[in-house]
């Protein structure tokens, strides 16, 4: 599975990317919306792991762009924003799933398996 990780925290991005790669997936990791938008325009992904708070804006805007183009790629939001309203905004915006940081990497793997082709 080709996975795009969009996460600006180096420690989290590194841990998630390494874990996803160890599970046998191809991983691209972006640290901002600009880079993620470029990657999504040139590569085909089977899953996007998306942080909401990024240095150049909200991950929700990227999610809206993805869904606005009719793209159905599964998107799992990974965020420290744990309010019900945050989860609701993400799911209403088209997210497939939602993980609140900190989360267990094995839980991430379990959720990812739901979207394996």
N, C-alpha and C. Protein backbone atom coordinates (compact mmCIF):
# COMPACT_ATOMS: atom_id res chain seq x y z
N UNK A 1 0.84 -1.16 0.00
CA UNK A 1 0.00 0.00 0.00
C UNK A 1 0.90 1.24 0.00
N UNK A 2 0.57 2.24 -0.80
CA UNK A 2 1.28 3.51 -0.81
C UNK A 2 0.60 4.46 0.17
N UNK A 3 1.38 4.95 1.13
CA UNK A 3 0.83 5.76 2.22
C UNK A 3 1.53 7.12 2.24
N UNK A 4 0.73 8.17 2.37
CA UNK A 4 1.26 9.51 2.55
C UNK A 4 1.04 9.91 4.00
N UNK A 5 2.12 10.25 4.69
CA UNK A 5 2.05 10.75 6.06
C UNK A 5 2.26 12.25 5.99
N UNK A 6 1.32 13.01 6.57
CA UNK A 6 1.43 14.47 6.62
C UNK A 6 1.48 14.85 8.10
N UNK A 7 2.69 15.11 8.57
CA UNK A 7 2.93 15.34 10.01
C UNK A 7 4.15 16.23 10.17
N UNK A 8 4.01 17.36 10.87
CA UNK A 8 5.12 18.28 11.03
C UNK A 8 6.00 17.99 12.23
N UNK A 9 5.52 17.22 13.20
CA UNK A 9 6.33 16.87 14.36
C UNK A 9 7.32 15.79 13.93
N UNK A 10 8.60 16.10 14.00
CA UNK A 10 9.64 15.20 13.49
C UNK A 10 9.61 13.85 14.22
N UNK A 11 9.49 13.87 15.54
CA UNK A 11 9.49 12.61 16.30
C UNK A 11 8.30 11.74 15.91
N UNK A 12 7.12 12.33 15.83
CA UNK A 12 5.92 11.57 15.49
C UNK A 12 5.97 11.11 14.04
N UNK A 13 6.34 12.03 13.15
CA UNK A 13 6.42 11.67 11.73
C UNK A 13 7.41 10.56 11.48
N UNK A 14 8.54 10.62 12.14
CA UNK A 14 9.56 9.58 11.99
C UNK A 14 9.06 8.25 12.53
N UNK A 15 8.43 8.26 13.71
CA UNK A 15 7.94 7.02 14.31
C UNK A 15 6.82 6.41 13.47
N UNK A 16 5.87 7.22 13.02
CA UNK A 16 4.76 6.71 12.22
C UNK A 16 5.28 6.18 10.89
N UNK A 17 6.14 6.94 10.22
CA UNK A 17 6.67 6.52 8.93
C UNK A 17 7.46 5.21 9.05
N UNK A 18 8.31 5.12 10.06
CA UNK A 18 9.10 3.91 10.26
C UNK A 18 8.21 2.71 10.55
N UNK A 19 7.19 2.92 11.37
CA UNK A 19 6.27 1.83 11.72
C UNK A 19 5.48 1.36 10.49
N UNK A 20 4.98 2.30 9.72
CA UNK A 20 4.20 1.96 8.52
C UNK A 20 5.10 1.23 7.52
N UNK A 21 6.33 1.70 7.36
CA UNK A 21 7.28 1.03 6.45
C UNK A 21 7.61 -0.38 6.95
N UNK A 22 7.77 -0.53 8.27
CA UNK A 22 8.07 -1.85 8.85
C UNK A 22 6.91 -2.82 8.64
N UNK A 23 5.69 -2.27 8.50
CA UNK A 23 4.52 -3.11 8.20
C UNK A 23 4.47 -3.50 6.72
N UNK A 24 5.45 -3.05 5.94
CA UNK A 24 5.55 -3.45 4.54
C UNK A 24 4.95 -2.50 3.53
N UNK A 25 4.67 -1.26 3.95
CA UNK A 25 4.06 -0.28 3.05
C UNK A 25 5.11 0.69 2.52
N UNK A 26 4.83 1.28 1.37
CA UNK A 26 5.64 2.37 0.84
C UNK A 26 5.16 3.66 1.48
N UNK A 27 6.10 4.48 1.95
CA UNK A 27 5.73 5.68 2.70
C UNK A 27 6.40 6.92 2.13
N UNK A 28 5.61 7.97 1.94
CA UNK A 28 6.13 9.31 1.70
C UNK A 28 5.69 10.14 2.90
N UNK A 29 6.59 11.01 3.36
CA UNK A 29 6.30 11.82 4.53
C UNK A 29 6.49 13.29 4.18
N UNK A 30 5.47 14.08 4.44
CA UNK A 30 5.50 15.53 4.22
C UNK A 30 5.30 16.23 5.55
N UNK A 31 5.92 17.41 5.69
CA UNK A 31 5.82 18.14 6.95
C UNK A 31 4.92 19.37 6.86
N UNK A 32 4.33 19.62 5.68
CA UNK A 32 3.44 20.77 5.54
C UNK A 32 2.42 20.54 4.42
N UNK A 33 1.45 21.44 4.34
CA UNK A 33 0.39 21.32 3.35
C UNK A 33 0.89 21.50 1.92
N UNK A 34 1.82 22.41 1.75
CA UNK A 34 2.35 22.69 0.41
C UNK A 34 2.99 21.44 -0.18
N UNK A 35 3.84 20.80 0.60
CA UNK A 35 4.51 19.58 0.15
C UNK A 35 3.51 18.45 -0.07
N UNK A 36 2.54 18.32 0.82
CA UNK A 36 1.52 17.27 0.70
C UNK A 36 0.67 17.47 -0.55
N UNK A 37 0.30 18.71 -0.83
CA UNK A 37 -0.50 19.01 -2.02
C UNK A 37 0.28 18.63 -3.28
N UNK A 38 1.56 18.95 -3.29
CA UNK A 38 2.42 18.59 -4.43
C UNK A 38 2.49 17.07 -4.60
N UNK A 39 2.68 16.36 -3.51
CA UNK A 39 2.77 14.89 -3.58
C UNK A 39 1.45 14.29 -4.08
N UNK A 40 0.33 14.79 -3.55
CA UNK A 40 -0.97 14.26 -3.96
C UNK A 40 -1.27 14.55 -5.43
N UNK A 41 -0.65 15.60 -5.97
CA UNK A 41 -0.85 15.92 -7.37
C UNK A 41 -0.02 15.09 -8.32
N UNK A 42 1.03 14.45 -7.79
CA UNK A 42 1.94 13.69 -8.66
C UNK A 42 1.98 12.20 -8.37
N UNK A 43 1.50 11.79 -7.22
CA UNK A 43 1.56 10.37 -6.82
C UNK A 43 0.17 9.85 -6.53
N UNK A 44 0.01 8.54 -6.60
CA UNK A 44 -1.25 7.88 -6.25
C UNK A 44 -1.06 7.19 -4.90
N UNK A 45 -1.94 7.51 -3.94
CA UNK A 45 -1.84 6.94 -2.60
C UNK A 45 -3.07 6.10 -2.29
N UNK A 46 -2.84 5.05 -1.49
CA UNK A 46 -3.91 4.17 -1.04
C UNK A 46 -4.46 4.61 0.31
N UNK A 47 -3.70 5.47 1.01
CA UNK A 47 -4.09 5.94 2.34
C UNK A 47 -3.31 7.21 2.67
N UNK A 48 -3.99 8.15 3.34
CA UNK A 48 -3.33 9.37 3.82
C UNK A 48 -3.50 9.42 5.33
N UNK A 49 -2.39 9.63 6.04
CA UNK A 49 -2.39 9.83 7.49
C UNK A 49 -2.12 11.31 7.70
N UNK A 50 -3.11 12.04 8.22
CA UNK A 50 -3.10 13.49 8.17
C UNK A 50 -3.20 14.15 9.54
N UNK A 51 -2.20 14.96 9.87
CA UNK A 51 -2.25 15.79 11.07
C UNK A 51 -3.12 17.01 10.76
N UNK A 52 -3.76 17.58 11.77
CA UNK A 52 -4.60 18.75 11.54
C UNK A 52 -3.85 20.07 11.69
N UNK A 53 -2.94 20.15 12.65
CA UNK A 53 -2.20 21.39 12.87
C UNK A 53 -0.86 21.31 12.16
N UNK A 54 -0.75 22.07 11.09
CA UNK A 54 0.47 22.08 10.30
C UNK A 54 0.99 23.52 10.22
N UNK A 55 2.28 23.69 9.94
CA UNK A 55 2.85 25.04 9.99
C UNK A 55 2.25 26.01 8.97
N UNK A 56 1.70 25.50 7.87
CA UNK A 56 1.14 26.40 6.86
C UNK A 56 -0.37 26.29 6.73
N UNK A 57 -1.04 25.79 7.79
CA UNK A 57 -2.50 25.76 7.78
C UNK A 57 -3.07 24.51 8.42
N UNK A 58 -4.36 24.35 8.23
CA UNK A 58 -5.08 23.22 8.83
C UNK A 58 -5.15 22.05 7.87
N UNK A 59 -4.95 20.86 8.40
CA UNK A 59 -5.11 19.65 7.61
C UNK A 59 -6.51 19.50 7.06
N UNK A 60 -7.49 20.14 7.74
CA UNK A 60 -8.87 20.08 7.24
C UNK A 60 -9.00 20.72 5.87
N UNK A 61 -8.20 21.74 5.58
CA UNK A 61 -8.26 22.37 4.25
C UNK A 61 -7.75 21.40 3.19
N UNK A 62 -6.71 20.64 3.50
CA UNK A 62 -6.22 19.63 2.56
C UNK A 62 -7.27 18.55 2.36
N UNK A 63 -7.91 18.13 3.44
CA UNK A 63 -8.97 17.13 3.36
C UNK A 63 -10.11 17.62 2.47
N UNK A 64 -10.50 18.88 2.64
CA UNK A 64 -11.56 19.45 1.78
C UNK A 64 -11.14 19.47 0.32
N UNK A 65 -9.87 19.80 0.07
CA UNK A 65 -9.37 19.80 -1.31
C UNK A 65 -9.40 18.39 -1.90
N UNK A 66 -8.99 17.41 -1.12
CA UNK A 66 -8.98 16.02 -1.60
C UNK A 66 -10.40 15.59 -1.94
N UNK A 67 -11.33 15.83 -1.04
CA UNK A 67 -12.71 15.41 -1.26
C UNK A 67 -13.39 16.25 -2.35
N UNK A 68 -13.01 17.51 -2.46
CA UNK A 68 -13.57 18.39 -3.47
C UNK A 68 -13.23 17.95 -4.89
N UNK A 69 -12.12 17.24 -5.02
CA UNK A 69 -11.71 16.73 -6.32
C UNK A 69 -12.33 15.36 -6.59
N UNK A 70 -13.18 14.90 -5.69
CA UNK A 70 -13.84 13.61 -5.87
C UNK A 70 -12.96 12.42 -5.52
N UNK A 71 -11.83 12.67 -4.90
CA UNK A 71 -10.91 11.61 -4.52
C UNK A 71 -11.47 10.83 -3.33
N UNK A 72 -11.42 9.51 -3.41
CA UNK A 72 -11.99 8.66 -2.36
C UNK A 72 -10.92 7.99 -1.50
N UNK A 73 -9.67 8.39 -1.64
CA UNK A 73 -8.60 7.79 -0.84
C UNK A 73 -8.96 7.87 0.64
N UNK A 74 -8.80 6.77 1.38
CA UNK A 74 -9.06 6.83 2.82
C UNK A 74 -8.09 7.81 3.51
N UNK A 75 -8.63 8.59 4.44
CA UNK A 75 -7.82 9.56 5.19
C UNK A 75 -8.05 9.31 6.68
N UNK A 76 -6.97 9.00 7.39
CA UNK A 76 -7.04 8.88 8.84
C UNK A 76 -6.40 10.13 9.43
N UNK A 77 -7.19 10.88 10.18
CA UNK A 77 -6.67 12.06 10.87
C UNK A 77 -5.95 11.61 12.12
N UNK A 78 -4.74 12.18 12.33
CA UNK A 78 -3.95 11.94 13.53
C UNK A 78 -3.73 13.31 14.18
N UNK A 79 -4.31 13.53 15.34
CA UNK A 79 -4.19 14.86 15.95
C UNK A 79 -4.26 14.81 17.46
N UNK A 80 -3.69 15.83 18.06
CA UNK A 80 -3.79 16.00 19.51
C UNK A 80 -5.09 16.71 19.88
N UNK A 81 -5.79 17.24 18.89
CA UNK A 81 -7.07 17.92 19.13
C UNK A 81 -8.11 16.84 19.44
N UNK A 82 -8.50 16.75 20.71
CA UNK A 82 -9.32 15.62 21.14
C UNK A 82 -10.76 15.99 21.49
N UNK A 83 -11.18 17.19 21.17
CA UNK A 83 -12.55 17.58 21.46
C UNK A 83 -13.50 16.89 20.49
N UNK A 84 -14.71 16.64 20.95
CA UNK A 84 -15.73 16.03 20.10
C UNK A 84 -15.93 16.86 18.83
N UNK A 85 -15.92 18.19 18.98
CA UNK A 85 -16.13 19.07 17.83
C UNK A 85 -15.03 18.89 16.78
N UNK A 86 -13.79 18.61 17.22
CA UNK A 86 -12.69 18.37 16.29
C UNK A 86 -12.92 17.08 15.51
N UNK A 87 -13.32 16.04 16.22
CA UNK A 87 -13.59 14.76 15.55
C UNK A 87 -14.74 14.91 14.56
N UNK A 88 -15.78 15.60 15.00
CA UNK A 88 -16.94 15.79 14.15
C UNK A 88 -16.57 16.59 12.89
N UNK A 89 -15.78 17.64 13.04
CA UNK A 89 -15.35 18.44 11.89
C UNK A 89 -14.54 17.59 10.92
N UNK A 90 -13.68 16.75 11.44
CA UNK A 90 -12.87 15.88 10.59
C UNK A 90 -13.71 14.87 9.84
N UNK A 91 -14.62 14.23 10.54
CA UNK A 91 -15.46 13.22 9.91
C UNK A 91 -16.44 13.85 8.92
N UNK A 92 -16.99 14.99 9.28
CA UNK A 92 -17.88 15.69 8.34
C UNK A 92 -17.11 16.18 7.12
N UNK A 93 -15.85 16.48 7.31
CA UNK A 93 -15.01 16.94 6.21
C UNK A 93 -14.57 15.84 5.27
N UNK A 94 -14.87 14.60 5.63
CA UNK A 94 -14.55 13.49 4.75
C UNK A 94 -13.50 12.52 5.26
N UNK A 95 -13.05 12.70 6.50
CA UNK A 95 -12.08 11.74 7.05
C UNK A 95 -12.73 10.37 7.19
N UNK A 96 -11.93 9.35 6.99
CA UNK A 96 -12.40 7.98 7.10
C UNK A 96 -12.32 7.49 8.54
N UNK A 97 -11.32 8.00 9.27
CA UNK A 97 -11.10 7.58 10.65
C UNK A 97 -10.36 8.71 11.36
N UNK A 98 -10.24 8.57 12.69
CA UNK A 98 -9.69 9.64 13.51
C UNK A 98 -8.93 9.01 14.67
N UNK A 99 -7.66 9.35 14.82
CA UNK A 99 -6.85 8.89 15.95
C UNK A 99 -6.38 10.10 16.76
N UNK A 100 -6.55 10.03 18.07
CA UNK A 100 -6.10 11.11 18.95
C UNK A 100 -4.71 10.76 19.48
N UNK A 101 -3.78 11.72 19.33
CA UNK A 101 -2.42 11.54 19.85
C UNK A 101 -2.43 11.73 21.36
N UNK A 102 -1.62 11.00 22.06
CA UNK A 102 -0.77 9.92 21.56
C UNK A 102 -1.59 8.66 21.33
N UNK A 103 -1.24 7.90 20.33
CA UNK A 103 -1.93 6.65 20.05
C UNK A 103 -0.89 5.53 19.91
N UNK A 104 -1.35 4.32 20.10
CA UNK A 104 -0.49 3.15 19.98
C UNK A 104 -0.29 2.85 18.50
N UNK A 105 0.95 2.65 18.09
CA UNK A 105 1.23 2.37 16.68
C UNK A 105 0.59 1.07 16.21
N UNK A 106 0.39 0.13 17.12
CA UNK A 106 -0.29 -1.10 16.74
C UNK A 106 -1.76 -0.84 16.43
N UNK A 107 -2.37 0.13 17.12
CA UNK A 107 -3.74 0.51 16.80
C UNK A 107 -3.79 1.13 15.40
N UNK A 108 -2.80 1.94 15.08
CA UNK A 108 -2.73 2.51 13.73
C UNK A 108 -2.66 1.39 12.70
N UNK A 109 -1.82 0.40 12.94
CA UNK A 109 -1.70 -0.73 12.00
C UNK A 109 -3.04 -1.45 11.84
N UNK A 110 -3.74 -1.66 12.94
CA UNK A 110 -5.04 -2.33 12.89
C UNK A 110 -6.03 -1.54 12.05
N UNK A 111 -6.06 -0.25 12.24
CA UNK A 111 -6.98 0.59 11.47
C UNK A 111 -6.59 0.64 10.01
N UNK A 112 -5.29 0.67 9.73
CA UNK A 112 -4.84 0.68 8.35
C UNK A 112 -5.25 -0.59 7.60
N UNK A 113 -5.24 -1.71 8.30
CA UNK A 113 -5.61 -2.98 7.66
C UNK A 113 -7.04 -2.95 7.12
N UNK A 114 -7.89 -2.11 7.69
CA UNK A 114 -9.26 -2.00 7.21
C UNK A 114 -9.33 -1.43 5.79
N UNK A 115 -8.28 -0.74 5.37
CA UNK A 115 -8.28 -0.08 4.08
C UNK A 115 -7.37 -0.73 3.05
N UNK A 116 -6.78 -1.86 3.42
CA UNK A 116 -5.88 -2.56 2.51
C UNK A 116 -6.66 -3.10 1.32
N UNK A 117 -6.11 -2.91 0.15
CA UNK A 117 -6.80 -3.41 -1.07
C UNK A 117 -6.45 -4.86 -1.30
